[in-house]
């Protein structure tokens, strides 16, 4: 099995060395590291070049001629990978040194697995812990890796910095031309997670803890700010309409059994749209019976508030969360 690491960088000079160290020092070193800098205006590129030379590494590093944005930067870098399994890396995180070895062992004995995500903890700018281990999808801590079913993955596909996947996942993304549909999928990790669940099994590796750094400029923080600043009724409807469209694309790829769950999410999403757009009160009872399909237990209340024009109240609540 050949393991590839994809690292997309942009103005990450403050923390990049720490992440490069955690990749280089893996107990099972990656066979290939592909780094693409998206036109940094700080010293990120110079730091990476020097690091590669200093340690005599055969890593593939290039600087984009123009800024592509994280979506296309990641996908273009993934296209260059030759490994059987691909690991996505953020520039400001720190990997557990056993990550690749542990994941690789699981892939080898489970050929049906298309994606493994890692548990993680948040750290601050100085590397201090901000929280305990985070488990996605509302899962409880467990001794063994946790299976993520199709419903889990469509509710929340996961964040890229936790993701590893077989090359068959990204190959299919490119074959179908889904990587070009940024207007539908918006985030590279969302598309990869949804494709993975369509093609195979997905797992959450609970014993591996990655350190994900939170600071003013990283992508997680920027997503959070956008979520709060732009969360109007129309934005909510746009998100739900995209989710419905995503189900159409992914449903064509999935097996008939998995497609049943995908269509369940699509119907649920369309009912939410009708409630919010048309104040279809009759939909409240139907949605209440499907609370498990919401990402959050507060989801139905939020939909009702959007439907009745309580956007300003919601915005203030989001700011306090």
C-alpha atoms as a PDB file:
ATOM      1  CA  UNK A   1       0.000   0.000   0.000  1.00  0.00           C
ATOM      2  CA  UNK A   2       1.335   3.406  -1.021  1.00  0.00           C
ATOM      3  CA  UNK A   3       0.400   6.367   1.179  1.00  0.00           C
ATOM      4  CA  UNK A   4       0.219   9.919  -0.128  1.00  0.00           C
ATOM      5  CA  UNK A   5      -0.131  13.106   1.915  1.00  0.00           C
ATOM      6  CA  UNK A   6      -1.647  16.257   0.425  1.00  0.00           C
ATOM      7  CA  UNK A   7      -0.804  19.541   2.115  1.00  0.00           C
ATOM      8  CA  UNK A   8      -2.369  22.762   0.807  1.00  0.00           C
ATOM      9  CA  UNK A   9      -0.731  25.934   2.094  1.00  0.00           C
ATOM     10  CA  UNK A  10      -1.449  29.652   2.084  1.00  0.00           C
ATOM     11  CA  UNK A  11       0.166  32.222   4.373  1.00  0.00           C
ATOM     12  CA  UNK A  12       0.945  29.635   7.021  1.00  0.00           C
ATOM     13  CA  UNK A  13       4.447  30.659   8.028  1.00  0.00           C
ATOM     14  CA  UNK A  14       3.697  30.722  11.783  1.00  0.00           C
ATOM     15  CA  UNK A  15       2.866  27.045  12.197  1.00  0.00           C
ATOM     16  CA  UNK A  16       3.946  25.197   9.031  1.00  0.00           C
ATOM     17  CA  UNK A  17       7.196  23.758  10.422  1.00  0.00           C
ATOM     18  CA  UNK A  18       5.426  22.006  13.278  1.00  0.00           C
ATOM     19  CA  UNK A  19       3.097  20.236  10.839  1.00  0.00           C
ATOM     20  CA  UNK A  20       5.944  19.389   8.449  1.00  0.00           C
ATOM     21  CA  UNK A  21       7.751  17.806  11.407  1.00  0.00           C
ATOM     22  CA  UNK A  22       4.742  15.680  12.334  1.00  0.00           C
ATOM     23  CA  UNK A  23       4.454  14.399   8.766  1.00  0.00           C
ATOM     24  CA  UNK A  24       8.177  13.725   8.350  1.00  0.00           C
ATOM     25  CA  UNK A  25       8.455  11.934  11.689  1.00  0.00           C
ATOM     26  CA  UNK A  26       5.578   9.495  11.189  1.00  0.00           C
ATOM     27  CA  UNK A  27       6.377   5.997  12.482  1.00  0.00           C
ATOM     28  CA  UNK A  28       5.302   4.817   9.033  1.00  0.00           C
ATOM     29  CA  UNK A  29       6.649   7.560   6.760  1.00  0.00           C
ATOM     30  CA  UNK A  30       4.442   8.573   3.822  1.00  0.00           C
ATOM     31  CA  UNK A  31       5.569   7.306   0.438  1.00  0.00           C
ATOM     32  CA  UNK A  32       4.652  10.602  -1.162  1.00  0.00           C
ATOM     33  CA  UNK A  33       4.039  14.159   0.023  1.00  0.00           C
ATOM     34  CA  UNK A  34       2.419  16.619  -2.379  1.00  0.00           C
ATOM     35  CA  UNK A  35       2.471  20.255  -1.245  1.00  0.00           C
ATOM     36  CA  UNK A  36       0.814  23.050  -3.189  1.00  0.00           C
ATOM     37  CA  UNK A  37       1.148  26.648  -2.067  1.00  0.00           C
ATOM     38  CA  UNK A  38      -1.642  28.916  -3.256  1.00  0.00           C
ATOM     39  CA  UNK A  39       0.467  32.014  -3.785  1.00  0.00           C
ATOM     40  CA  UNK A  40       1.388  32.886  -0.219  1.00  0.00           C
ATOM     41  CA  UNK A  41       2.401  36.469   0.388  1.00  0.00           C
ATOM     42  CA  UNK A  42       4.368  35.659   3.544  1.00  0.00           C
ATOM     43  CA  UNK A  43       7.416  33.362   3.896  1.00  0.00           C
ATOM     44  CA  UNK A  44       5.543  30.035   3.730  1.00  0.00           C
ATOM     45  CA  UNK A  45       7.031  28.983   0.394  1.00  0.00           C
ATOM     46  CA  UNK A  46      10.590  29.822   1.387  1.00  0.00           C
ATOM     47  CA  UNK A  47      10.208  27.912   4.666  1.00  0.00           C
ATOM     48  CA  UNK A  48       8.931  24.797   2.873  1.00  0.00           C
ATOM     49  CA  UNK A  49      11.677  24.915   0.237  1.00  0.00           C
ATOM     50  CA  UNK A  50      14.363  25.222   2.881  1.00  0.00           C
ATOM     51  CA  UNK A  51      12.798  22.458   4.982  1.00  0.00           C
ATOM     52  CA  UNK A  52      12.801  20.039   2.033  1.00  0.00           C
ATOM     53  CA  UNK A  53      16.433  20.828   1.216  1.00  0.00           C
ATOM     54  CA  UNK A  54      17.611  20.700   4.831  1.00  0.00           C
ATOM     55  CA  UNK A  55      16.187  17.232   5.376  1.00  0.00           C
ATOM     56  CA  UNK A  56      16.923  15.910   1.883  1.00  0.00           C
ATOM     57  CA  UNK A  57      13.265  15.071   1.240  1.00  0.00           C
ATOM     58  CA  UNK A  58      11.853  13.894  -2.057  1.00  0.00           C
ATOM     59  CA  UNK A  59       8.640  15.856  -1.543  1.00  0.00           C
ATOM     60  CA  UNK A  60       6.702  17.360  -4.440  1.00  0.00           C
ATOM     61  CA  UNK A  61       6.370  21.094  -3.802  1.00  0.00           C
ATOM     62  CA  UNK A  62       5.028  23.678  -6.233  1.00  0.00           C
ATOM     63  CA  UNK A  63       3.664  27.205  -6.040  1.00  0.00           C
ATOM     64  CA  UNK A  64       0.477  27.944  -7.967  1.00  0.00           C
ATOM     65  CA  UNK A  65       0.810  30.603 -10.654  1.00  0.00           C
ATOM     66  CA  UNK A  66      -2.408  32.180  -9.377  1.00  0.00           C
ATOM     67  CA  UNK A  67      -4.544  31.795  -6.274  1.00  0.00           C
ATOM     68  CA  UNK A  68      -7.069  28.969  -6.772  1.00  0.00           C
ATOM     69  CA  UNK A  69      -8.790  28.915  -3.397  1.00  0.00           C
ATOM     70  CA  UNK A  70      -8.674  25.933  -1.020  1.00  0.00           C
ATOM     71  CA  UNK A  71     -11.286  23.891  -2.966  1.00  0.00           C
ATOM     72  CA  UNK A  72      -9.386  23.724  -6.255  1.00  0.00           C
ATOM     73  CA  UNK A  73      -5.971  23.802  -4.606  1.00  0.00           C
ATOM     74  CA  UNK A  74      -6.764  20.571  -2.760  1.00  0.00           C
ATOM     75  CA  UNK A  75      -8.322  18.830  -5.738  1.00  0.00           C
ATOM     76  CA  UNK A  76      -5.522  19.807  -8.116  1.00  0.00           C
ATOM     77  CA  UNK A  77      -2.982  18.482  -5.602  1.00  0.00           C
ATOM     78  CA  UNK A  78      -4.953  15.248  -5.144  1.00  0.00           C
ATOM     79  CA  UNK A  79      -4.820  14.718  -8.923  1.00  0.00           C
ATOM     80  CA  UNK A  80      -1.021  14.568  -8.655  1.00  0.00           C
ATOM     81  CA  UNK A  81      -1.049  11.764  -6.063  1.00  0.00           C
ATOM     82  CA  UNK A  82      -0.011   8.238  -7.022  1.00  0.00           C
ATOM     83  CA  UNK A  83      -0.775   6.529  -3.711  1.00  0.00           C
ATOM     84  CA  UNK A  84      -3.507   3.997  -2.920  1.00  0.00           C
ATOM     85  CA  UNK A  85      -4.522   5.974   0.158  1.00  0.00           C
ATOM     86  CA  UNK A  86      -4.508   9.764   0.416  1.00  0.00           C
ATOM     87  CA  UNK A  87      -4.294  11.812   3.625  1.00  0.00           C
ATOM     88  CA  UNK A  88      -5.380  15.457   3.703  1.00  0.00           C
ATOM     89  CA  UNK A  89      -3.402  17.855   5.862  1.00  0.00           C
ATOM     90  CA  UNK A  90      -4.004  21.415   7.014  1.00  0.00           C
ATOM     91  CA  UNK A  91      -0.953  23.652   7.309  1.00  0.00           C
ATOM     92  CA  UNK A  92      -1.390  24.571  10.967  1.00  0.00           C
ATOM     93  CA  UNK A  93      -2.224  21.210  12.579  1.00  0.00           C
ATOM     94  CA  UNK A  94      -0.052  18.627  14.314  1.00  0.00           C
ATOM     95  CA  UNK A  95      -0.461  14.920  13.581  1.00  0.00           C
ATOM     96  CA  UNK A  96      -0.116  12.091  16.038  1.00  0.00           C
ATOM     97  CA  UNK A  97       3.073  10.342  14.915  1.00  0.00           C
ATOM     98  CA  UNK A  98       1.263   6.992  14.716  1.00  0.00           C
ATOM     99  CA  UNK A  99      -1.490   8.242  12.426  1.00  0.00           C
ATOM    100  CA  UNK A 100      -0.429   6.801   9.069  1.00  0.00           C
ATOM    101  CA  UNK A 101       0.712   3.499  10.579  1.00  0.00           C
ATOM    102  CA  UNK A 102      -2.566   2.989  12.448  1.00  0.00           C
ATOM    103  CA  UNK A 103      -4.767   3.985   9.543  1.00  0.00           C
ATOM    104  CA  UNK A 104      -2.769   1.943   7.056  1.00  0.00           C
ATOM    105  CA  UNK A 105      -3.132  -1.216   9.165  1.00  0.00           C
ATOM    106  CA  UNK A 106      -6.915  -0.755   9.247  1.00  0.00           C
ATOM    107  CA  UNK A 107      -7.129  -0.211   5.488  1.00  0.00           C
ATOM    108  CA  UNK A 108      -5.114  -3.369   4.830  1.00  0.00           C
ATOM    109  CA  UNK A 109      -7.445  -5.664   6.761  1.00  0.00           C
ATOM    110  CA  UNK A 110     -10.633  -3.906   5.640  1.00  0.00           C
ATOM    111  CA  UNK A 111     -10.688  -3.616   1.838  1.00  0.00           C
ATOM    112  CA  UNK A 112     -14.297  -2.422   1.973  1.00  0.00           C
ATOM    113  CA  UNK A 113     -13.304   0.768   3.799  1.00  0.00           C
ATOM    114  CA  UNK A 114     -13.250   3.850   1.567  1.00  0.00           C
ATOM    115  CA  UNK A 115     -12.534   6.525   4.186  1.00  0.00           C
ATOM    116  CA  UNK A 116     -11.155   6.827   7.723  1.00  0.00           C
ATOM    117  CA  UNK A 117     -11.531  10.017   9.732  1.00  0.00           C
ATOM    118  CA  UNK A 118      -9.566  10.831  12.852  1.00  0.00           C
ATOM    119  CA  UNK A 119     -10.671  12.121  16.209  1.00  0.00           C
ATOM    120  CA  UNK A 120      -8.922  15.316  17.261  1.00  0.00           C
ATOM    121  CA  UNK A 121      -8.455  17.968  19.856  1.00  0.00           C
ATOM    122  CA  UNK A 122      -8.345  21.733  19.440  1.00  0.00           C
ATOM    123  CA  UNK A 123      -5.190  23.612  20.363  1.00  0.00           C
ATOM    124  CA  UNK A 124      -4.505  27.331  20.592  1.00  0.00           C
ATOM    125  CA  UNK A 125      -1.802  29.378  18.881  1.00  0.00           C
ATOM    126  CA  UNK A 126       0.759  28.194  21.415  1.00  0.00           C
ATOM    127  CA  UNK A 127      -0.166  24.529  21.132  1.00  0.00           C
ATOM    128  CA  UNK A 128      -2.108  24.382  24.401  1.00  0.00           C
ATOM    129  CA  UNK A 129      -5.155  22.105  24.581  1.00  0.00           C
ATOM    130  CA  UNK A 130      -8.494  23.883  24.219  1.00  0.00           C
ATOM    131  CA  UNK A 131     -10.747  20.853  24.546  1.00  0.00           C
ATOM    132  CA  UNK A 132     -10.874  17.149  25.147  1.00  0.00           C
ATOM    133  CA  UNK A 133     -10.954  14.693  22.269  1.00  0.00           C
ATOM    134  CA  UNK A 134     -13.699  15.485  19.768  1.00  0.00           C
ATOM    135  CA  UNK A 135     -15.807  12.704  18.272  1.00  0.00           C
ATOM    136  CA  UNK A 136     -17.791  13.545  15.164  1.00  0.00           C
ATOM    137  CA  UNK A 137     -21.419  12.735  14.458  1.00  0.00           C
ATOM    138  CA  UNK A 138     -22.438  12.732  18.107  1.00  0.00           C
ATOM    139  CA  UNK A 139     -20.699   9.405  18.626  1.00  0.00           C
ATOM    140  CA  UNK A 140     -19.705   8.254  22.085  1.00  0.00           C
ATOM    141  CA  UNK A 141     -16.086   7.243  22.848  1.00  0.00           C
ATOM    142  CA  UNK A 142     -15.363   3.625  22.032  1.00  0.00           C
ATOM    143  CA  UNK A 143     -12.479   1.172  22.117  1.00  0.00           C
ATOM    144  CA  UNK A 144     -12.790   0.252  18.439  1.00  0.00           C
ATOM    145  CA  UNK A 145     -13.179   2.382  15.294  1.00  0.00           C
ATOM    146  CA  UNK A 146     -16.766   3.610  14.874  1.00  0.00           C
ATOM    147  CA  UNK A 147     -18.713   2.834  11.707  1.00  0.00           C
ATOM    148  CA  UNK A 148     -20.215   5.903  10.024  1.00  0.00           C
ATOM    149  CA  UNK A 149     -23.265   4.967   7.997  1.00  0.00           C
ATOM    150  CA  UNK A 150     -24.643   6.817   4.988  1.00  0.00           C
ATOM    151  CA  UNK A 151     -27.005   8.905   7.103  1.00  0.00           C
ATOM    152  CA  UNK A 152     -24.108   9.943   9.359  1.00  0.00           C
ATOM    153  CA  UNK A 153     -22.012  11.019   6.403  1.00  0.00           C
ATOM    154  CA  UNK A 154     -24.799  12.931   4.664  1.00  0.00           C
ATOM    155  CA  UNK A 155     -25.661  14.784   7.863  1.00  0.00           C
ATOM    156  CA  UNK A 156     -22.002  15.746   8.248  1.00  0.00           C
ATOM    157  CA  UNK A 157     -19.352  14.487   5.857  1.00  0.00           C
ATOM    158  CA  UNK A 158     -16.478  15.451   8.167  1.00  0.00           C
ATOM    159  CA  UNK A 159     -13.663  17.998   7.988  1.00  0.00           C
ATOM    160  CA  UNK A 160     -10.798  17.612   5.564  1.00  0.00           C
ATOM    161  CA  UNK A 161      -8.056  17.787   8.183  1.00  0.00           C
ATOM    162  CA  UNK A 162      -9.352  14.498   9.655  1.00  0.00           C
ATOM    163  CA  UNK A 163      -9.740  12.664   6.336  1.00  0.00           C
ATOM    164  CA  UNK A 164      -7.924   9.821   4.651  1.00  0.00           C
ATOM    165  CA  UNK A 165      -9.445   7.913   1.742  1.00  0.00           C
ATOM    166  CA  UNK A 166      -8.658   5.384  -0.944  1.00  0.00           C
ATOM    167  CA  UNK A 167      -7.635   6.834  -4.274  1.00  0.00           C
ATOM    168  CA  UNK A 168     -10.730   5.177  -5.794  1.00  0.00           C
ATOM    169  CA  UNK A 169     -12.790   7.878  -4.054  1.00  0.00           C
ATOM    170  CA  UNK A 170     -11.007  10.827  -5.643  1.00  0.00           C
ATOM    171  CA  UNK A 171     -10.652   8.959  -8.940  1.00  0.00           C
ATOM    172  CA  UNK A 172     -14.437   8.672  -9.129  1.00  0.00           C
ATOM    173  CA  UNK A 173     -14.848  12.345  -8.237  1.00  0.00           C
ATOM    174  CA  UNK A 174     -12.669  13.254 -11.210  1.00  0.00           C
ATOM    175  CA  UNK A 175     -14.261  10.697 -13.555  1.00  0.00           C
ATOM    176  CA  UNK A 176     -17.714  12.152 -12.852  1.00  0.00           C
ATOM    177  CA  UNK A 177     -16.419  15.738 -13.080  1.00  0.00           C
ATOM    178  CA  UNK A 178     -17.817  16.525  -9.629  1.00  0.00           C
ATOM    179  CA  UNK A 179     -14.663  18.445  -8.688  1.00  0.00           C
ATOM    180  CA  UNK A 180     -15.754  21.124 -11.142  1.00  0.00           C
ATOM    181  CA  UNK A 181     -19.125  21.557  -9.416  1.00  0.00           C
ATOM    182  CA  UNK A 182     -18.014  23.959  -6.696  1.00  0.00           C
ATOM    183  CA  UNK A 183     -21.394  25.702  -6.934  1.00  0.00           C
ATOM    184  CA  UNK A 184     -23.040  22.473  -5.723  1.00  0.00           C
ATOM    185  CA  UNK A 185     -20.536  21.037  -3.233  1.00  0.00           C
ATOM    186  CA  UNK A 186     -18.719  24.246  -2.130  1.00  0.00           C
ATOM    187  CA  UNK A 187     -16.228  22.328   0.081  1.00  0.00           C
ATOM    188  CA  UNK A 188     -13.748  19.713  -1.113  1.00  0.00           C
ATOM    189  CA  UNK A 189     -14.119  17.651   2.074  1.00  0.00           C
ATOM    190  CA  UNK A 190     -17.908  17.545   1.816  1.00  0.00           C
ATOM    191  CA  UNK A 191     -17.661  16.135  -1.714  1.00  0.00           C
ATOM    192  CA  UNK A 192     -14.988  13.585  -0.764  1.00  0.00           C
ATOM    193  CA  UNK A 193     -16.940  12.425   2.287  1.00  0.00           C
ATOM    194  CA  UNK A 194     -20.145  11.995   0.331  1.00  0.00           C
ATOM    195  CA  UNK A 195     -18.376  10.137  -2.475  1.00  0.00           C
ATOM    196  CA  UNK A 196     -16.659   7.869   0.058  1.00  0.00           C
ATOM    197  CA  UNK A 197     -19.925   6.801   1.655  1.00  0.00           C
ATOM    198  CA  UNK A 198     -21.410   6.171  -1.793  1.00  0.00           C
ATOM    199  CA  UNK A 199     -18.544   3.857  -2.756  1.00  0.00           C
ATOM    200  CA  UNK A 200     -17.710   2.018   0.479  1.00  0.00           C
ATOM    201  CA  UNK A 201     -17.621   2.069   4.270  1.00  0.00           C
ATOM    202  CA  UNK A 202     -16.485   4.993   6.402  1.00  0.00           C
ATOM    203  CA  UNK A 203     -15.022   4.832   9.913  1.00  0.00           C
ATOM    204  CA  UNK A 204     -14.032   7.172  12.709  1.00  0.00           C
ATOM    205  CA  UNK A 205     -10.697   6.192  14.288  1.00  0.00           C
ATOM    206  CA  UNK A 206     -11.206   7.051  17.951  1.00  0.00           C
ATOM    207  CA  UNK A 207      -7.761   6.278  19.366  1.00  0.00           C
ATOM    208  CA  UNK A 208      -5.927   8.727  17.137  1.00  0.00           C
ATOM    209  CA  UNK A 209      -6.042  12.326  18.292  1.00  0.00           C
ATOM    210  CA  UNK A 210      -4.911  15.021  15.878  1.00  0.00           C
ATOM    211  CA  UNK A 211      -4.274  18.527  17.152  1.00  0.00           C
ATOM    212  CA  UNK A 212      -6.244  21.102  15.151  1.00  0.00           C
ATOM    213  CA  UNK A 213      -5.050  24.623  15.762  1.00  0.00           C
ATOM    214  CA  UNK A 214      -7.599  27.417  16.079  1.00  0.00           C
ATOM    215  CA  UNK A 215      -6.523  30.945  15.251  1.00  0.00           C
ATOM    216  CA  UNK A 216      -7.938  33.958  13.472  1.00  0.00           C
ATOM    217  CA  UNK A 217      -6.819  32.989   9.960  1.00  0.00           C
ATOM    218  CA  UNK A 218      -7.374  29.248   9.684  1.00  0.00           C
ATOM    219  CA  UNK A 219     -10.112  27.731   7.559  1.00  0.00           C
ATOM    220  CA  UNK A 220     -12.132  26.313  10.466  1.00  0.00           C
ATOM    221  CA  UNK A 221     -12.388  29.748  12.025  1.00  0.00           C
ATOM    222  CA  UNK A 222     -13.234  31.371   8.702  1.00  0.00           C
ATOM    223  CA  UNK A 223     -16.033  28.866   8.083  1.00  0.00           C
ATOM    224  CA  UNK A 224     -17.403  29.589  11.528  1.00  0.00           C
ATOM    225  CA  UNK A 225     -17.370  33.337  10.959  1.00  0.00           C
ATOM    226  CA  UNK A 226     -19.097  32.920   7.597  1.00  0.00           C
ATOM    227  CA  UNK A 227     -21.695  30.643   9.176  1.00  0.00           C
ATOM    228  CA  UNK A 228     -22.592  33.323  11.717  1.00  0.00           C
ATOM    229  CA  UNK A 229     -22.303  36.401   9.522  1.00  0.00           C
ATOM    230  CA  UNK A 230     -24.277  35.079   6.562  1.00  0.00           C
ATOM    231  CA  UNK A 231     -26.871  32.848   8.182  1.00  0.00           C
ATOM    232  CA  UNK A 232     -30.025  34.479   6.810  1.00  0.00           C
ATOM    233  CA  UNK A 233     -33.211  32.768   5.692  1.00  0.00           C
ATOM    234  CA  UNK A 234     -32.086  32.868   2.061  1.00  0.00           C
ATOM    235  CA  UNK A 235     -28.646  31.511   2.881  1.00  0.00           C
ATOM    236  CA  UNK A 236     -30.282  28.658   4.789  1.00  0.00           C
ATOM    237  CA  UNK A 237     -32.516  27.902   1.797  1.00  0.00           C
ATOM    238  CA  UNK A 238     -29.511  27.997  -0.542  1.00  0.00           C
ATOM    239  CA  UNK A 239     -27.658  25.498   1.665  1.00  0.00           C
ATOM    240  CA  UNK A 240     -30.648  23.157   1.758  1.00  0.00           C
ATOM    241  CA  UNK A 241     -31.222  23.382  -1.986  1.00  0.00           C
ATOM    242  CA  UNK A 242     -27.570  22.504  -2.583  1.00  0.00           C
ATOM    243  CA  UNK A 243     -27.889  19.570  -0.191  1.00  0.00           C
ATOM    244  CA  UNK A 244     -30.863  18.286  -2.160  1.00  0.00           C
ATOM    245  CA  UNK A 245     -28.864  18.609  -5.384  1.00  0.00           C
ATOM    246  CA  UNK A 246     -25.892  16.830  -3.800  1.00  0.00           C
ATOM    247  CA  UNK A 247     -28.172  13.883  -3.048  1.00  0.00           C
ATOM    248  CA  UNK A 248     -29.045  13.688  -6.742  1.00  0.00           C
ATOM    249  CA  UNK A 249     -25.403  13.513  -7.790  1.00  0.00           C
ATOM    250  CA  UNK A 250     -24.275  11.090  -5.089  1.00  0.00           C
ATOM    251  CA  UNK A 251     -27.391   8.943  -5.414  1.00  0.00           C
ATOM    252  CA  UNK A 252     -26.430   8.086  -8.990  1.00  0.00           C
ATOM    253  CA  UNK A 253     -23.122   6.663  -7.761  1.00  0.00           C
ATOM    254  CA  UNK A 254     -24.351   4.726  -4.725  1.00  0.00           C
ATOM    255  CA  UNK A 255     -25.738   1.208  -4.550  1.00  0.00           C
ATOM    256  CA  UNK A 256     -29.520   0.841  -4.447  1.00  0.00           C
ATOM    257  CA  UNK A 257     -29.431   0.134  -0.708  1.00  0.00           C
ATOM    258  CA  UNK A 258     -27.375   3.230   0.070  1.00  0.00           C
ATOM    259  CA  UNK A 259     -29.478   5.265  -2.312  1.00  0.00           C
ATOM    260  CA  UNK A 260     -32.497   4.562  -0.107  1.00  0.00           C
ATOM    261  CA  UNK A 261     -30.803   6.490   2.701  1.00  0.00           C
ATOM    262  CA  UNK A 262     -29.706   9.212   0.297  1.00  0.00           C
ATOM    263  CA  UNK A 263     -33.281   9.663  -0.932  1.00  0.00           C
ATOM    264  CA  UNK A 264     -34.465   9.753   2.682  1.00  0.00           C
ATOM    265  CA  UNK A 265     -32.138  12.683   3.317  1.00  0.00           C
ATOM    266  CA  UNK A 266     -33.249  14.349   0.082  1.00  0.00           C
ATOM    267  CA  UNK A 267     -36.948  14.085   0.986  1.00  0.00           C
ATOM    268  CA  UNK A 268     -36.221  15.329   4.500  1.00  0.00           C
ATOM    269  CA  UNK A 269     -34.273  18.268   3.069  1.00  0.00           C
ATOM    270  CA  UNK A 270     -37.083  19.156   0.652  1.00  0.00           C
ATOM    271  CA  UNK A 271     -39.582  19.157   3.517  1.00  0.00           C
ATOM    272  CA  UNK A 272     -37.360  21.585   5.404  1.00  0.00           C
ATOM    273  CA  UNK A 273     -37.273  23.828   2.330  1.00  0.00           C
ATOM    274  CA  UNK A 274     -41.078  23.823   2.117  1.00  0.00           C
ATOM    275  CA  UNK A 275     -41.408  24.717   5.796  1.00  0.00           C
ATOM    276  CA  UNK A 276     -38.969  27.617   5.600  1.00  0.00           C
ATOM    277  CA  UNK A 277     -39.989  28.974   2.217  1.00  0.00           C
ATOM    278  CA  UNK A 278     -43.774  28.597   2.449  1.00  0.00           C
ATOM    279  CA  UNK A 279     -44.443  28.397   6.198  1.00  0.00           C
ATOM    280  CA  UNK A 280     -45.895  24.917   5.703  1.00  0.00           C
ATOM    281  CA  UNK A 281     -46.842  24.285   9.326  1.00  0.00           C
ATOM    282  CA  UNK A 282     -48.026  20.815   8.431  1.00  0.00           C
ATOM    283  CA  UNK A 283     -44.391  19.907   7.811  1.00  0.00           C
ATOM    284  CA  UNK A 284     -43.469  20.516  11.457  1.00  0.00           C
ATOM    285  CA  UNK A 285     -45.081  17.270  12.594  1.00  0.00           C
ATOM    286  CA  UNK A 286     -43.353  15.311   9.815  1.00  0.00           C
ATOM    287  CA  UNK A 287     -39.991  16.856  10.589  1.00  0.00           C
ATOM    288  CA  UNK A 288     -40.464  16.240  14.313  1.00  0.00           C
ATOM    289  CA  UNK A 289     -40.755  12.530  13.574  1.00  0.00           C
ATOM    290  CA  UNK A 290     -37.393  12.697  11.797  1.00  0.00           C
ATOM    291  CA  UNK A 291     -35.362  14.674  14.348  1.00  0.00           C
ATOM    292  CA  UNK A 292     -32.554  12.118  14.067  1.00  0.00           C
ATOM    293  CA  UNK A 293     -31.880  13.383  10.535  1.00  0.00           C
ATOM    294  CA  UNK A 294     -30.970  16.856  11.764  1.00  0.00           C
ATOM    295  CA  UNK A 295     -27.317  17.595  12.531  1.00  0.00           C
ATOM    296  CA  UNK A 296     -28.426  19.232  15.769  1.00  0.00           C
ATOM    297  CA  UNK A 297     -31.373  18.713  18.109  1.00  0.00           C
ATOM    298  CA  UNK A 298     -32.047  22.433  17.680  1.00  0.00           C
ATOM    299  CA  UNK A 299     -32.475  22.051  13.928  1.00  0.00           C
ATOM    300  CA  UNK A 300     -36.262  21.985  13.819  1.00  0.00           C
ATOM    301  CA  UNK A 301     -36.593  25.025  16.093  1.00  0.00           C
ATOM    302  CA  UNK A 302     -34.124  26.860  13.866  1.00  0.00           C
ATOM    303  CA  UNK A 303     -36.134  25.993  10.745  1.00  0.00           C
ATOM    304  CA  UNK A 304     -39.329  27.273  12.356  1.00  0.00           C
ATOM    305  CA  UNK A 305     -37.622  30.523  13.317  1.00  0.00           C
ATOM    306  CA  UNK A 306     -36.383  31.034   9.753  1.00  0.00           C
ATOM    307  CA  UNK A 307     -39.870  30.311   8.421  1.00  0.00           C
ATOM    308  CA  UNK A 308     -41.380  33.061  10.582  1.00  0.00           C
ATOM    309  CA  UNK A 309     -38.771  35.738   9.944  1.00  0.00           C
ATOM    310  CA  UNK A 310     -36.852  35.507  13.210  1.00  0.00           C
ATOM    311  CA  UNK A 311     -33.469  35.802  11.491  1.00  0.00           C
ATOM    312  CA  UNK A 312     -32.180  38.604  13.705  1.00  0.00           C
ATOM    313  CA  UNK A 313     -32.901  36.600  16.840  1.00  0.00           C
ATOM    314  CA  UNK A 314     -31.096  33.590  15.392  1.00  0.00           C
ATOM    315  CA  UNK A 315     -28.125  35.708  14.369  1.00  0.00           C
ATOM    316  CA  UNK A 316     -27.736  36.995  17.922  1.00  0.00           C
ATOM    317  CA  UNK A 317     -28.038  33.444  19.276  1.00  0.00           C
ATOM    318  CA  UNK A 318     -25.362  32.187  16.867  1.00  0.00           C
ATOM    319  CA  UNK A 319     -23.004  34.969  17.941  1.00  0.00           C
ATOM    320  CA  UNK A 320     -23.334  33.848  21.556  1.00  0.00           C
ATOM    321  CA  UNK A 321     -22.700  30.173  20.768  1.00  0.00           C
END
